[in-house]
C-alpha atoms as a PDB file:
ATOM      1  CA  MET A   1      -8.710 129.709 176.358  1.00  0.00           C
ATOM      2  CA  ASN A   2      -8.904 125.984 176.009  1.00  0.00           C
ATOM      3  CA  ILE A   3     -11.326 126.389 173.218  1.00  0.00           C
ATOM      4  CA  LEU A   4      -8.813 128.719 171.464  1.00  0.00           C
ATOM      5  CA  LEU A   5      -5.923 126.226 171.803  1.00  0.00           C
ATOM      6  CA  ALA A   6      -8.121 123.459 170.598  1.00  0.00           C
ATOM      7  CA  ALA A   7      -8.970 125.507 167.596  1.00  0.00           C
ATOM      8  CA  ILE A   8      -5.308 126.406 166.865  1.00  0.00           C
ATOM      9  CA  LEU A   9      -3.609 122.958 167.282  1.00  0.00           C
ATOM     10  CA  PRO A  10      -5.494 121.196 164.554  1.00  0.00           C
ATOM     11  CA  GLU A  11      -4.572 123.939 162.163  1.00  0.00           C
ATOM     12  CA  SER A  12      -0.826 124.027 163.174  1.00  0.00           C
ATOM     13  CA  GLU A  13      -0.246 120.242 162.973  1.00  0.00           C
ATOM     14  CA  PRO A  14       0.486 120.195 159.169  1.00  0.00           C
ATOM     15  CA  LEU A  15       3.048 122.951 159.581  1.00  0.00           C
ATOM     16  CA  TRP A  16       4.877 120.968 162.240  1.00  0.00           C
ATOM     17  CA  TRP A  17       5.166 117.905 160.030  1.00  0.00           C
ATOM     18  CA  ASP A  18       6.362 120.044 157.157  1.00  0.00           C
ATOM     19  CA  SER A  19       9.107 121.434 159.364  1.00  0.00           C
ATOM     20  CA  ILE A  20      10.155 117.963 160.402  1.00  0.00           C
ATOM     21  CA  ARG A  21      10.127 116.815 156.790  1.00  0.00           C
ATOM     22  CA  LEU A  22      12.207 119.824 155.770  1.00  0.00           C
ATOM     23  CA  ILE A  23      14.688 119.120 158.559  1.00  0.00           C
ATOM     24  CA  ILE A  24      14.944 115.469 157.490  1.00  0.00           C
ATOM     25  CA  GLN A  25      15.404 116.463 153.873  1.00  0.00           C
ATOM     26  CA  SER A  26      18.024 119.014 154.901  1.00  0.00           C
ATOM     27  CA  GLN A  27      19.903 116.412 156.934  1.00  0.00           C
ATOM     28  CA  SER A  28      19.677 113.960 154.036  1.00  0.00           C
ATOM     29  CA  SER A  29      21.021 116.543 151.584  1.00  0.00           C
ATOM     30  CA  LEU A  30      23.865 117.376 153.972  1.00  0.00           C
ATOM     31  CA  ALA A  31      24.752 113.693 154.318  1.00  0.00           C
ATOM     32  CA  GLN A  32      24.636 113.300 150.543  1.00  0.00           C
ATOM     33  CA  PHE A  33      26.857 116.349 150.165  1.00  0.00           C
ATOM     34  CA  GLN A  34      29.314 115.001 152.723  1.00  0.00           C
ATOM     35  CA  TYR A  35      29.278 111.625 150.988  1.00  0.00           C
ATOM     36  CA  ASN A  36      29.879 113.213 147.593  1.00  0.00           C
ATOM     37  CA  LEU A  37      32.633 115.378 149.074  1.00  0.00           C
ATOM     38  CA  ALA A  38      34.265 112.309 150.609  1.00  0.00           C
ATOM     39  CA  MET A  39      34.060 110.467 147.278  1.00  0.00           C
ATOM     40  CA  TYR A  40      35.554 113.441 145.474  1.00  0.00           C
ATOM     41  CA  GLY A  41      38.338 113.551 148.047  1.00  0.00           C
ATOM     42  CA  ILE A  42      39.038 109.839 147.722  1.00  0.00           C
ATOM     43  CA  THR A  43      38.963 110.096 143.930  1.00  0.00           C
ATOM     44  CA  LEU A  44      41.341 113.052 144.075  1.00  0.00           C
ATOM     45  CA  LEU A  45      43.718 111.178 146.382  1.00  0.00           C
ATOM     46  CA  ILE A  46      43.631 108.136 144.092  1.00  0.00           C
ATOM     47  CA  ALA A  47      44.288 110.383 141.089  1.00  0.00           C
ATOM     48  CA  ILE A  48      47.206 112.041 142.881  1.00  0.00           C
ATOM     49  CA  ALA A  49      48.587 108.633 143.890  1.00  0.00           C
ATOM     50  CA  LEU A  50      48.278 107.382 140.305  1.00  0.00           C
ATOM     51  CA  LEU A  51      49.915 110.564 139.036  1.00  0.00           C
ATOM     52  CA  LEU A  52      52.787 110.175 141.489  1.00  0.00           C
ATOM     53  CA  ALA A  53      53.161 106.492 140.621  1.00  0.00           C
ATOM     54  CA  THR A  54      53.152 107.307 136.903  1.00  0.00           C
ATOM     55  CA  ALA A  55      55.658 110.109 137.414  1.00  0.00           C
ATOM     56  CA  SER A  56      57.868 107.783 139.459  1.00  0.00           C
ATOM     57  CA  TRP A  57      57.619 105.078 136.803  1.00  0.00           C
ATOM     58  CA  LEU A  58      58.427 107.524 134.013  1.00  0.00           C
ATOM     59  CA  THR A  59      61.350 108.853 136.049  1.00  0.00           C
ATOM     60  CA  ASN A  60      62.670 105.334 136.604  1.00  0.00           C
ATOM     61  CA  VAL A  61      62.246 104.531 132.910  1.00  0.00           C
ATOM     62  CA  TYR A  62      64.120 107.717 131.984  1.00  0.00           C
ATOM     63  CA  ILE A  63      66.906 106.977 134.480  1.00  0.00           C
ATOM     64  CA  ILE A  64      67.215 103.372 133.281  1.00  0.00           C
ATOM     65  CA  ARG A  65      67.291 104.442 129.636  1.00  0.00           C
ATOM     66  CA  ARG A  66      69.827 107.157 130.377  1.00  0.00           C
ATOM     67  CA  GLU A  67      71.977 104.681 132.306  1.00  0.00           C
ATOM     68  CA  ARG A  68      71.784 102.144 129.496  1.00  0.00           C
ATOM     69  CA  LYS A  69      72.593 104.847 126.956  1.00  0.00           C
ATOM     70  CA  ARG A  70      75.587 105.906 129.055  1.00  0.00           C
ATOM     71  CA  GLU A  71      76.728 102.280 129.317  1.00  0.00           C
ATOM     72  CA  ARG A  72      76.354 101.815 125.546  1.00  0.00           C
ATOM     73  CA  GLU A  73      78.298 105.019 124.932  1.00  0.00           C
ATOM     74  CA  GLU A  74      81.044 103.849 127.306  1.00  0.00           C
ATOM     75  CA  ASP A  75      81.136 100.424 125.642  1.00  0.00           C
ATOM     76  CA  PHE A  76      81.246 102.063 122.219  1.00  0.00           C
ATOM     77  CA  GLU A  77      83.997 104.412 123.367  1.00  0.00           C
ATOM     78  CA  LYS A  78      86.026 101.493 124.747  1.00  0.00           C
ATOM     79  CA  LEU A  79      85.449  99.497 121.570  1.00  0.00           C
ATOM     80  CA  SER A  80      86.367 102.466 119.375  1.00  0.00           C
ATOM     81  CA  LYS A  81      89.466 103.129 121.469  1.00  0.00           C
ATOM     82  CA  GLY A  82      90.494  99.472 121.275  1.00  0.00           C
ATOM     83  CA  ILE A  83      89.966  99.384 117.513  1.00  0.00           C
ATOM     84  CA  SER A  84      91.832 102.679 117.063  1.00  0.00           C
ATOM     85  CA  GLU A  85      94.770 101.440 119.146  1.00  0.00           C
ATOM     86  CA  ARG A  86      94.855  98.144 117.244  1.00  0.00           C
ATOM     87  CA  ILE A  87      94.710  99.923 113.874  1.00  0.00           C
ATOM     88  CA  LYS A  88      97.391 102.364 115.022  1.00  0.00           C
ATOM     89  CA  LYS A  89      99.585  99.481 116.175  1.00  0.00           C
ATOM     90  CA  GLU A  90      99.095  97.612 112.892  1.00  0.00           C
ATOM     91  CA  ILE A  91      99.895 100.767 110.912  1.00  0.00           C
ATOM     92  CA  GLU A  92     103.039 101.323 112.985  1.00  0.00           C
ATOM     93  CA  GLU A  93     104.096  97.706 112.419  1.00  0.00           C
ATOM     94  CA  MET A  94     103.440  98.038 108.687  1.00  0.00           C
ATOM     95  CA  GLU A  95     105.406 101.289 108.561  1.00  0.00           C
ATOM     96  CA  LYS A  96     108.235  99.630 110.472  1.00  0.00           C
ATOM     97  CA  LYS A  97     108.289  96.680 108.069  1.00  0.00           C
ATOM     98  CA  ILE A  98     108.194  99.025 105.077  1.00  0.00           C
ATOM     99  CA  ARG A  99     111.047 101.111 106.498  1.00  0.00           C
ATOM    100  CA  GLU A 100     113.057  97.982 107.257  1.00  0.00           C
ATOM    101  CA  SER A 101     112.383  96.665 103.765  1.00  0.00           C
ATOM    102  CA  ILE A 102     113.377  99.974 102.173  1.00  0.00           C
ATOM    103  CA  ASP A 103     116.478 100.204 104.371  1.00  0.00           C
ATOM    104  CA  LYS A 104     117.467  96.660 103.453  1.00  0.00           C
ATOM    105  CA  GLU A 105     116.923  97.323  99.758  1.00  0.00           C
ATOM    106  CA  PHE A 106     119.002 100.490 100.002  1.00  0.00           C
ATOM    107  CA  ILE A 107     121.774  98.624 101.851  1.00  0.00           C
ATOM    108  CA  LEU A 108     121.686  95.833  99.268  1.00  0.00           C
ATOM    109  CA  PHE A 109     121.809  98.403  96.495  1.00  0.00           C
ATOM    110  CA  ASN A 110     124.964  99.935  97.983  1.00  0.00           C
ATOM    111  CA  ALA A 111     126.468  96.478  98.531  1.00  0.00           C
ATOM    112  CA  GLU A 112     125.772  95.524  94.911  1.00  0.00           C
ATOM    113  CA  LYS A 113     127.240  98.811  93.751  1.00  0.00           C
ATOM    114  CA  ALA A 114     130.395  98.144  95.786  1.00  0.00           C
ATOM    115  CA  ARG A 115     130.640  94.624  94.332  1.00  0.00           C
ATOM    116  CA  LEU A 116     130.313  95.947  90.769  1.00  0.00           C
ATOM    117  CA  PHE A 117     133.014  98.548  91.386  1.00  0.00           C
ATOM    118  CA  ALA A 118     135.209  95.829  92.889  1.00  0.00           C
ATOM    119  CA  LEU A 119     134.752  93.659  89.782  1.00  0.00           C
ATOM    120  CA  ALA A 120     135.503  96.650  87.559  1.00  0.00           C
ATOM    121  CA  ALA A 121     138.700  97.280  89.551  1.00  0.00           C
ATOM    122  CA  TRP A 122     139.625  93.611  89.127  1.00  0.00           C
ATOM    123  CA  ASN A 123     139.219  93.849  85.366  1.00  0.00           C
ATOM    124  CA  ALA A 124     141.444  96.924  85.380  1.00  0.00           C
ATOM    125  CA  LYS A 125     143.901  95.095  87.685  1.00  0.00           C
ATOM    126  CA  LEU A 126     143.484  97.852  90.285  1.00  0.00           C
ATOM    127  CA  TRP A 127     143.861  95.451  93.186  1.00  0.00           C
ATOM    128  CA  GLU A 128     144.119  98.006  95.960  1.00  0.00           C
ATOM    129  CA  GLY A 129     140.958  99.813  94.833  1.00  0.00           C
ATOM    130  CA  GLY A 130     139.254  96.449  94.399  1.00  0.00           C
ATOM    131  CA  ALA A 131     140.156  95.532  97.985  1.00  0.00           C
ATOM    132  CA  ARG A 132     138.495  98.718  99.272  1.00  0.00           C
ATOM    133  CA  TRP A 133     135.308  98.001  97.319  1.00  0.00           C
ATOM    134  CA  TRP A 134     135.196  94.382  98.452  1.00  0.00           C
ATOM    135  CA  ALA A 135     135.465  95.574 102.055  1.00  0.00           C
ATOM    136  CA  SER A 136     132.498  97.929 101.466  1.00  0.00           C
ATOM    137  CA  ALA A 137     130.553  95.058  99.899  1.00  0.00           C
ATOM    138  CA  ILE A 138     131.229  92.927 102.995  1.00  0.00           C
ATOM    139  CA  GLU A 139     129.742  95.664 105.206  1.00  0.00           C
ATOM    140  CA  GLY A 140     126.614  96.030 103.063  1.00  0.00           C
ATOM    141  CA  TYR A 141     125.883  92.323 102.688  1.00  0.00           C
ATOM    142  CA  ALA A 142     126.479  91.754 106.412  1.00  0.00           C
ATOM    143  CA  LYS A 143     123.966  94.508 107.344  1.00  0.00           C
ATOM    144  CA  ALA A 144     121.435  92.982 104.942  1.00  0.00           C
ATOM    145  CA  GLY A 145     121.938  89.529 106.470  1.00  0.00           C
ATOM    146  CA  GLU A 146     123.280  87.984 103.243  1.00  0.00           C
ATOM    147  CA  GLU A 147     125.819  85.669 104.889  1.00  0.00           C
ATOM    148  CA  GLU A 148     126.566  83.587 101.795  1.00  0.00           C
ATOM    149  CA  ILE A 149     127.476  86.648  99.742  1.00  0.00           C
ATOM    150  CA  VAL A 150     129.527  87.932 102.690  1.00  0.00           C
ATOM    151  CA  ARG A 151     131.585  84.731 102.500  1.00  0.00           C
ATOM    152  CA  ILE A 152     132.102  85.215  98.734  1.00  0.00           C
ATOM    153  CA  SER A 153     133.096  88.848  99.264  1.00  0.00           C
ATOM    154  CA  VAL A 154     135.592  87.879 101.988  1.00  0.00           C
ATOM    155  CA  ASN A 155     137.266  85.386  99.647  1.00  0.00           C
ATOM    156  CA  SER A 156     137.331  88.016  96.890  1.00  0.00           C
ATOM    157  CA  LEU A 157     138.957  90.508  99.280  1.00  0.00           C
ATOM    158  CA  ILE A 158     141.655  87.955 100.106  1.00  0.00           C
ATOM    159  CA  GLN A 159     142.314  87.428  96.379  1.00  0.00           C
ATOM    160  CA  SER A 160     142.593  91.184  95.834  1.00  0.00           C
ATOM    161  CA  LEU A 161     145.095  91.543  98.683  1.00  0.00           C
ATOM    162  CA  GLN A 162     147.090  88.607  97.345  1.00  0.00           C
ATOM    163  CA  ASN A 163     147.552  90.536  94.095  1.00  0.00           C
ATOM    164  CA  CYS A 164     148.458  93.795  95.836  1.00  0.00           C
ATOM    165  CA  LYS A 165     152.108  94.745  96.014  1.00  0.00           C
ATOM    166  CA  LYS A 166     151.542  97.302  98.735  1.00  0.00           C
ATOM    167  CA  ILE A 167     148.700  99.214 100.393  1.00  0.00           C
ATOM    168  CA  GLU A 168     148.447 102.754 101.667  1.00  0.00           C
ATOM    169  CA  ASN A 169     147.852 103.307 105.376  1.00  0.00           C
ATOM    170  CA  ASP A 170     144.603 105.193 104.692  1.00  0.00           C
ATOM    171  CA  ASP A 171     143.292 102.314 102.593  1.00  0.00           C
ATOM    172  CA  LYS A 172     144.427  99.871 105.258  1.00  0.00           C
ATOM    173  CA  LYS A 173     142.423 101.747 107.912  1.00  0.00           C
ATOM    174  CA  LYS A 174     139.335 101.888 105.682  1.00  0.00           C
ATOM    175  CA  ILE A 175     139.486  98.139 105.091  1.00  0.00           C
ATOM    176  CA  GLU A 176     140.159  97.376 108.759  1.00  0.00           C
ATOM    177  CA  ASN A 177     137.061  99.388 109.755  1.00  0.00           C
ATOM    178  CA  LYS A 178     134.951  97.014 107.638  1.00  0.00           C
ATOM    179  CA  LEU A 179     136.421  93.805 109.055  1.00  0.00           C
ATOM    180  CA  GLY A 180     134.167  94.012 112.110  1.00  0.00           C
ATOM    181  CA  PHE A 181     131.254  92.973 109.851  1.00  0.00           C
ATOM    182  CA  ILE A 182     132.857  89.616 109.076  1.00  0.00           C
ATOM    183  CA  PRO A 183     130.964  86.913 111.044  1.00  0.00           C
ATOM    184  CA  LYS A 184     132.748  84.855 113.699  1.00  0.00           C
ATOM    185  CA  ILE A 185     132.459  81.730 111.596  1.00  0.00           C
ATOM    186  CA  LEU A 186     134.963  83.334 109.204  1.00  0.00           C
ATOM    187  CA  TYR A 187     137.453  84.093 111.953  1.00  0.00           C
ATOM    188  CA  GLU A 188     140.353  82.393 110.138  1.00  0.00           C
ATOM    189  CA  GLU A 189     139.705  84.395 106.959  1.00  0.00           C
ATOM    190  CA  LYS A 190     139.474  87.612 108.984  1.00  0.00           C
ATOM    191  CA  LYS A 191     142.809  86.868 110.685  1.00  0.00           C
ATOM    192  CA  GLN A 192     144.367  86.151 107.296  1.00  0.00           C
ATOM    193  CA  ILE A 193     143.170  89.523 105.958  1.00  0.00           C
ATOM    194  CA  GLU A 194     144.571  91.360 108.987  1.00  0.00           C
ATOM    195  CA  ASP A 195     147.967  89.695 108.560  1.00  0.00           C
ATOM    196  CA  MET A 196     148.025  90.521 104.850  1.00  0.00           C
ATOM    197  CA  LEU A 197     147.175  94.165 105.548  1.00  0.00           C
ATOM    198  CA  ASP A 198     150.022  94.415 108.054  1.00  0.00           C
ATOM    199  CA  LYS A 199     152.520  92.915 105.586  1.00  0.00           C
ATOM    200  CA  LEU A 200     151.373  95.080 102.651  1.00  0.00           C
ATOM    201  CA  SER A 201     151.497  98.287 104.685  1.00  0.00           C
ATOM    202  CA  LYS A 202     155.088  97.493 105.755  1.00  0.00           C
ATOM    203  CA  LYS A 203     156.179  97.340 102.106  1.00  0.00           C
ATOM    204  CA  LEU A 204     155.704 101.101 101.760  1.00  0.00           C
ATOM    205  CA  PRO A 205     158.997 102.988 101.217  1.00  0.00           C
END
């Protein structure tokens, strides 16, 4: 028996070392695999972290750009609104000035027309008609702010009434309605006209 074991052991010794070597190689391969797996995992985590960081950065960039765009649009809208309101206001002011200018020119035209008719009545010695036209001229020139011509027209009205022998009540009322346009500085002249109208209307039969 001992002889048999002695004969077997020398022959089985290489197999035993091969098994140990295989086990060591297997353990080494497993460790290498685990190491590689750990590296892959770390690399994957780093990649995911970088991806998340990049996504977050891109999101922030998008949000910032969108916010700036919104702010620019709001600023542009405010600027456009301000410009539009200013242009609208300037246009309204221009239209107002044009209307006032046209109105004044129209008033002056009517005042000049009344003055020309008054002069024509003077030439025809139609003093009562002339007085009516001078009263209309006073109204027109007063509305147009032509105070100097108002003064001239008031004096001309007085001259017309001085040449009148009488005056109809309707004409008296028409002239009296215009006397309110005589400025306060010509109070004495206005009072004189009122007295003359009263006297001339009393001369009617």
